[in-house]
């Protein structure tokens, strides 16, 4: 049945080095939608220049972006790592201009700074200096957060976004159907569907790589590491597990997947190579218990 609702547009702002963040932010937003949009009547729309801006001439590029997408957004989520971004005529970067523009309009701004390790040779000294100076300029003007890896960023953003939307729904008189941390059946089904989709993709990628006759484990380790970020994101959405059915599965699978990420091959007649694939199979089989646990 069609349902009327309210759309909040969230601008995703970051320099070009925050590739993982620009993927994690909309995923987190969509995750909130899948769990909360039906009963709140609220839908969050992630807005990015690469998906929402159309060709236009007649003004400076950033001003065109401002007019097309920035001014119509309700919130901004910004992330920085080692770069400040390309300077505009009026600001140290386009990202900074977007932040200031929405701040001046009194809109919510979430800013995050990554402390993740980086290869020193890949850093642009001028860009990094500009970023440090910009970060210093924000002192005393509000609260920003730092994260050390993309998994921590996902968890942090999930909490902050949930807190913001809980405040908004309360202000609008929208009653949350959740009580004492328990999720309604419809929400559990949404979460279960997300997990099943995640597992199908992981299983397909893993089996495809395993059946390709690989001579090393590098590509498989990438599959595991990228899936681990998603797994941590799903784990962060569990606010209550009274029967202790879900968290042990997440914990054990996470442990195995982290071990796989550190796994090394030795000249042992293929023993360590075979062990890697067996542990990977075990982790995936363990994760396949999640949908069943959610059904009971």
Protein backbone atom coordinates (compact mmCIF):
# COMPACT_ATOMS: atom_id res chain seq x y z
CA UNK A 1 0.00 0.00 0.00
CA UNK A 2 1.40 3.45 -0.91
CA UNK A 3 2.53 5.51 2.06
CA UNK A 4 3.11 9.24 2.42
CA UNK A 5 6.24 10.35 4.18
CA UNK A 6 8.89 12.99 4.77
CA UNK A 7 12.20 12.99 2.92
CA UNK A 8 15.36 14.36 4.54
CA UNK A 9 18.24 14.96 2.14
CA UNK A 10 21.72 14.29 3.54
CA UNK A 11 24.70 15.80 1.70
CA UNK A 12 27.79 13.60 1.66
CA UNK A 13 30.85 15.86 1.56
CA UNK A 14 34.47 14.74 1.37
CA UNK A 15 37.68 15.11 -0.62
CA UNK A 16 38.61 12.50 -3.21
CA UNK A 17 40.71 10.33 -0.87
CA UNK A 18 37.69 9.27 1.23
CA UNK A 19 36.56 6.56 -1.19
CA UNK A 20 35.52 4.03 1.47
CA UNK A 21 33.67 6.66 3.44
CA UNK A 22 31.67 7.74 0.39
CA UNK A 23 30.52 4.14 0.12
CA UNK A 24 29.93 3.57 3.85
CA UNK A 25 27.84 6.69 4.41
CA UNK A 26 25.02 5.92 1.94
CA UNK A 27 25.05 2.26 3.03
CA UNK A 28 24.49 3.38 6.63
CA UNK A 29 21.71 5.70 5.51
CA UNK A 30 20.00 2.95 3.52
CA UNK A 31 20.33 0.67 6.53
CA UNK A 32 18.47 3.21 8.67
CA UNK A 33 15.77 3.46 6.01
CA UNK A 34 15.25 -0.28 5.84
CA UNK A 35 14.69 -0.52 9.58
CA UNK A 36 12.86 2.72 10.37
CA UNK A 37 11.26 4.29 7.28
CA UNK A 38 8.05 2.25 7.34
CA UNK A 39 6.95 3.01 10.89
CA UNK A 40 8.28 6.59 11.03
CA UNK A 41 7.20 7.71 7.58
CA UNK A 42 10.67 9.22 7.16
CA UNK A 43 13.06 8.47 4.31
CA UNK A 44 16.69 9.62 4.25
CA UNK A 45 18.20 10.39 0.85
CA UNK A 46 22.00 10.39 0.49
CA UNK A 47 23.03 13.19 -1.87
CA UNK A 48 26.38 13.23 -3.71
CA UNK A 49 27.59 15.41 -6.52
CA UNK A 50 28.49 12.39 -8.63
CA UNK A 51 24.92 11.07 -8.53
CA UNK A 52 22.82 14.23 -8.27
CA UNK A 53 24.57 16.99 -10.24
CA UNK A 54 23.75 17.50 -13.94
CA UNK A 55 25.80 19.40 -16.58
CA UNK A 56 25.43 23.18 -16.50
CA UNK A 57 27.39 26.24 -17.69
CA UNK A 58 27.25 29.88 -16.70
CA UNK A 59 28.73 29.97 -13.19
CA UNK A 60 31.69 28.72 -11.20
CA UNK A 61 31.49 24.92 -10.68
CA UNK A 62 31.03 24.98 -6.91
CA UNK A 63 28.27 27.57 -7.15
CA UNK A 64 26.46 25.32 -9.63
CA UNK A 65 26.78 22.42 -7.18
CA UNK A 66 25.55 24.66 -4.36
CA UNK A 67 22.47 25.68 -6.33
CA UNK A 68 21.69 22.19 -7.63
CA UNK A 69 22.10 20.10 -4.50
CA UNK A 70 23.72 21.76 -1.47
CA UNK A 71 21.06 24.31 -0.59
CA UNK A 72 18.25 21.75 -0.74
CA UNK A 73 19.91 19.40 1.77
CA UNK A 74 18.82 19.17 5.39
CA UNK A 75 21.98 17.70 6.94
CA UNK A 76 25.61 17.17 5.99
CA UNK A 77 27.94 14.28 6.76
CA UNK A 78 31.56 15.14 6.04
CA UNK A 79 34.70 13.00 6.18
CA UNK A 80 38.39 13.85 5.84
CA UNK A 81 41.56 11.76 5.74
CA UNK A 82 44.72 13.29 4.23
CA UNK A 83 43.36 15.86 1.80
CA UNK A 84 41.47 19.13 2.11
CA UNK A 85 40.26 19.11 -1.48
CA UNK A 86 40.34 21.50 -4.42
CA UNK A 87 40.21 25.17 -3.47
CA UNK A 88 37.33 27.33 -4.71
CA UNK A 89 37.30 31.09 -5.28
CA UNK A 90 35.82 31.63 -1.83
CA UNK A 91 36.99 28.73 0.36
CA UNK A 92 39.95 26.48 1.02
CA UNK A 93 38.04 23.67 -0.72
CA UNK A 94 34.67 22.76 -2.18
CA UNK A 95 33.97 20.53 0.81
CA UNK A 96 34.70 23.39 3.21
CA UNK A 97 32.43 25.70 1.22
CA UNK A 98 29.58 23.18 1.42
CA UNK A 99 30.07 22.81 5.17
CA UNK A 100 30.10 26.57 5.78
CA UNK A 101 27.11 27.12 3.52
CA UNK A 102 24.92 24.66 5.41
CA UNK A 103 26.25 25.80 8.79
CA UNK A 104 25.20 29.34 7.95
CA UNK A 105 21.73 27.99 7.17
CA UNK A 106 21.55 26.45 10.64
CA UNK A 107 21.58 22.86 9.42
CA UNK A 108 23.05 19.84 11.19
CA UNK A 109 26.69 19.04 10.38
CA UNK A 110 28.43 15.75 11.24
CA UNK A 111 32.21 15.91 10.68
CA UNK A 112 34.64 13.00 10.95
CA UNK A 113 38.41 12.87 10.61
CA UNK A 114 40.27 9.66 9.81
CA UNK A 115 43.48 8.69 11.59
CA UNK A 116 43.86 5.52 9.52
CA UNK A 117 47.44 4.61 8.54
CA UNK A 118 48.62 5.96 5.19
CA UNK A 119 51.68 5.45 3.00
CA UNK A 120 53.74 8.63 3.61
CA UNK A 121 54.77 8.90 -0.04
CA UNK A 122 51.12 9.17 -1.07
CA UNK A 123 50.47 12.30 0.98
CA UNK A 124 50.39 15.69 -0.71
CA UNK A 125 52.16 17.96 1.85
CA UNK A 126 50.20 21.07 0.84
CA UNK A 127 46.89 19.24 1.04
CA UNK A 128 47.70 17.74 4.42
CA UNK A 129 48.86 21.10 5.80
CA UNK A 130 45.62 22.72 4.64
CA UNK A 131 43.63 19.94 6.32
CA UNK A 132 45.49 20.34 9.62
CA UNK A 133 44.89 24.10 9.58
CA UNK A 134 41.22 23.60 8.76
CA UNK A 135 40.80 21.14 11.60
CA UNK A 136 42.42 23.61 14.00
CA UNK A 137 40.05 26.33 12.80
CA UNK A 138 37.09 24.22 13.93
CA UNK A 139 38.22 24.08 17.55
CA UNK A 140 35.75 25.76 19.83
CA UNK A 141 33.09 25.77 17.12
CA UNK A 142 31.55 22.39 17.86
CA UNK A 143 32.32 18.69 18.20
CA UNK A 144 34.00 16.52 15.58
CA UNK A 145 34.94 12.85 15.79
CA UNK A 146 37.97 10.80 14.79
CA UNK A 147 38.09 7.17 13.67
CA UNK A 148 40.96 4.78 13.00
CA UNK A 149 39.37 2.47 10.41
CA UNK A 150 36.30 2.23 8.23
CA UNK A 151 34.61 -0.29 10.53
CA UNK A 152 34.86 2.12 13.45
CA UNK A 153 33.53 4.88 11.21
CA UNK A 154 30.48 2.78 10.28
CA UNK A 155 29.70 2.01 13.91
CA UNK A 156 30.17 5.63 14.94
CA UNK A 157 28.02 7.00 12.13
CA UNK A 158 25.31 4.42 12.82
CA UNK A 159 25.06 5.57 16.44
CA UNK A 160 25.09 9.26 15.59
CA UNK A 161 22.55 8.97 12.79
CA UNK A 162 20.23 6.87 14.95
CA UNK A 163 20.50 9.42 17.76
CA UNK A 164 19.76 12.32 15.42
CA UNK A 165 16.73 10.62 13.89
CA UNK A 166 15.41 9.53 17.28
CA UNK A 167 15.49 13.19 18.30
CA UNK A 168 13.71 14.25 15.11
CA UNK A 169 10.99 11.61 15.41
CA UNK A 170 10.43 12.60 19.04
CA UNK A 171 10.13 16.28 18.10
CA UNK A 172 7.62 15.38 15.40
CA UNK A 173 5.56 13.26 17.77
CA UNK A 174 6.33 10.02 15.95
CA UNK A 175 6.12 7.09 18.33
CA UNK A 176 8.80 4.45 17.98
CA UNK A 177 7.29 0.93 18.15
CA UNK A 178 10.44 -0.48 19.75
CA UNK A 179 10.30 -1.17 23.46
CA UNK A 180 13.15 -2.32 25.70
CA UNK A 181 15.41 -2.78 22.72
CA UNK A 182 13.18 -5.32 20.99
CA UNK A 183 12.59 -4.90 17.28
CA UNK A 184 9.20 -5.53 15.72
CA UNK A 185 8.79 -8.56 13.50
CA UNK A 186 8.68 -6.45 10.36
CA UNK A 187 11.96 -4.79 11.27
CA UNK A 188 13.55 -8.13 12.09
CA UNK A 189 12.49 -9.38 8.67
CA UNK A 190 14.11 -6.34 7.05
CA UNK A 191 17.34 -6.96 8.93
CA UNK A 192 17.19 -10.66 8.10
CA UNK A 193 16.75 -9.81 4.42
CA UNK A 194 19.82 -7.57 4.55
CA UNK A 195 21.88 -10.34 6.14
CA UNK A 196 20.72 -12.89 3.56
CA UNK A 197 21.65 -10.56 0.69
CA UNK A 198 25.06 -9.94 2.25
CA UNK A 199 25.65 -13.68 2.67
CA UNK A 200 24.64 -14.50 -0.91
CA UNK A 201 27.11 -11.97 -2.24
CA UNK A 202 29.89 -13.09 0.09
CA UNK A 203 29.32 -16.76 -0.69
CA UNK A 204 29.24 -16.13 -4.45
CA UNK A 205 32.45 -14.08 -4.38
CA UNK A 206 34.22 -16.61 -2.16
CA UNK A 207 33.20 -19.67 -4.20
CA UNK A 208 34.05 -17.93 -7.46
CA UNK A 209 37.54 -17.09 -6.24
CA UNK A 210 38.07 -20.53 -4.72
CA UNK A 211 36.97 -22.31 -7.93
CA UNK A 212 39.19 -20.16 -10.15
CA UNK A 213 42.29 -22.13 -9.21
CA UNK A 214 44.14 -19.28 -7.46
CA UNK A 215 47.87 -19.53 -6.82
CA UNK A 216 47.76 -17.13 -3.87
CA UNK A 217 45.25 -15.81 -1.35
CA UNK A 218 45.52 -12.05 -1.89
CA UNK A 219 42.25 -11.66 -3.80
CA UNK A 220 40.44 -13.89 -1.32
CA UNK A 221 41.81 -11.85 1.58
CA UNK A 222 40.43 -8.72 -0.07
CA UNK A 223 37.00 -10.38 -0.26
CA UNK A 224 37.23 -11.20 3.43
CA UNK A 225 38.45 -7.75 4.50
CA UNK A 226 35.78 -5.88 2.54
CA UNK A 227 33.09 -8.20 3.90
CA UNK A 228 34.39 -7.74 7.44
CA UNK A 229 33.54 -4.05 7.29
CA UNK A 230 29.97 -4.92 6.32
CA UNK A 231 29.77 -7.54 9.07
CA UNK A 232 30.81 -4.99 11.70
CA UNK A 233 28.18 -2.63 10.36
CA UNK A 234 25.45 -5.25 10.78
CA UNK A 235 26.73 -6.12 14.24
CA UNK A 236 26.44 -2.47 15.27
CA UNK A 237 22.71 -2.52 14.47
CA UNK A 238 21.94 -5.14 17.12
CA UNK A 239 20.81 -3.23 20.18
CA UNK A 240 19.58 -6.26 22.11
CA UNK A 241 20.23 -10.01 22.03
CA UNK A 242 18.50 -11.30 25.18
CA UNK A 243 18.80 -14.98 24.23
CA UNK A 244 22.44 -14.56 23.16
CA UNK A 245 21.80 -16.15 19.77
CA UNK A 246 23.31 -13.55 17.46
CA UNK A 247 26.30 -11.95 19.14
CA UNK A 248 28.31 -15.19 19.59
CA UNK A 249 27.98 -15.89 15.86
CA UNK A 250 29.11 -12.38 14.96
CA UNK A 251 32.00 -12.53 17.43
CA UNK A 252 33.33 -15.91 16.30
CA UNK A 253 32.94 -15.12 12.59
CA UNK A 254 34.65 -11.75 13.05
CA UNK A 255 37.52 -13.46 14.86
CA UNK A 256 38.00 -16.01 12.07
CA UNK A 257 37.81 -13.37 9.35
CA UNK A 258 40.41 -11.21 11.08
CA UNK A 259 42.68 -14.26 11.31
CA UNK A 260 42.17 -14.87 7.59
CA UNK A 261 43.22 -11.30 6.90
CA UNK A 262 46.52 -11.97 8.68
CA UNK A 263 46.99 -15.48 7.30
CA UNK A 264 50.35 -16.23 5.71
CA UNK A 265 51.41 -18.99 3.35
CA UNK A 266 54.46 -21.15 4.02
CA UNK A 267 56.49 -23.71 2.12
CA UNK A 268 54.63 -26.58 3.75
CA UNK A 269 53.35 -28.57 0.80
CA UNK A 270 50.13 -26.55 0.52
CA UNK A 271 49.01 -27.13 4.10
CA UNK A 272 48.73 -23.42 5.00
CA UNK A 273 47.05 -22.74 1.64
CA UNK A 274 44.40 -25.40 2.27
CA UNK A 275 43.96 -24.23 5.85
CA UNK A 276 43.10 -20.74 4.61
CA UNK A 277 40.24 -21.94 2.42
CA UNK A 278 38.91 -24.31 5.08
CA UNK A 279 38.79 -21.51 7.66
CA UNK A 280 37.04 -19.27 5.14
CA UNK A 281 34.45 -21.97 4.45
CA UNK A 282 33.92 -22.36 8.19
CA UNK A 283 33.38 -18.62 8.68
CA UNK A 284 30.78 -18.46 5.92
CA UNK A 285 28.95 -21.55 7.18
CA UNK A 286 28.88 -19.99 10.64
CA UNK A 287 27.41 -16.77 9.28
CA UNK A 288 24.71 -18.73 7.47
CA UNK A 289 23.27 -19.53 10.90
CA UNK A 290 22.31 -15.87 11.37
CA UNK A 291 19.08 -15.90 9.31
CA UNK A 292 17.89 -18.99 11.18
CA UNK A 293 18.71 -17.37 14.52
CA UNK A 294 16.73 -14.30 13.46
CA UNK A 295 13.75 -16.48 12.53
CA UNK A 296 13.50 -18.19 15.91
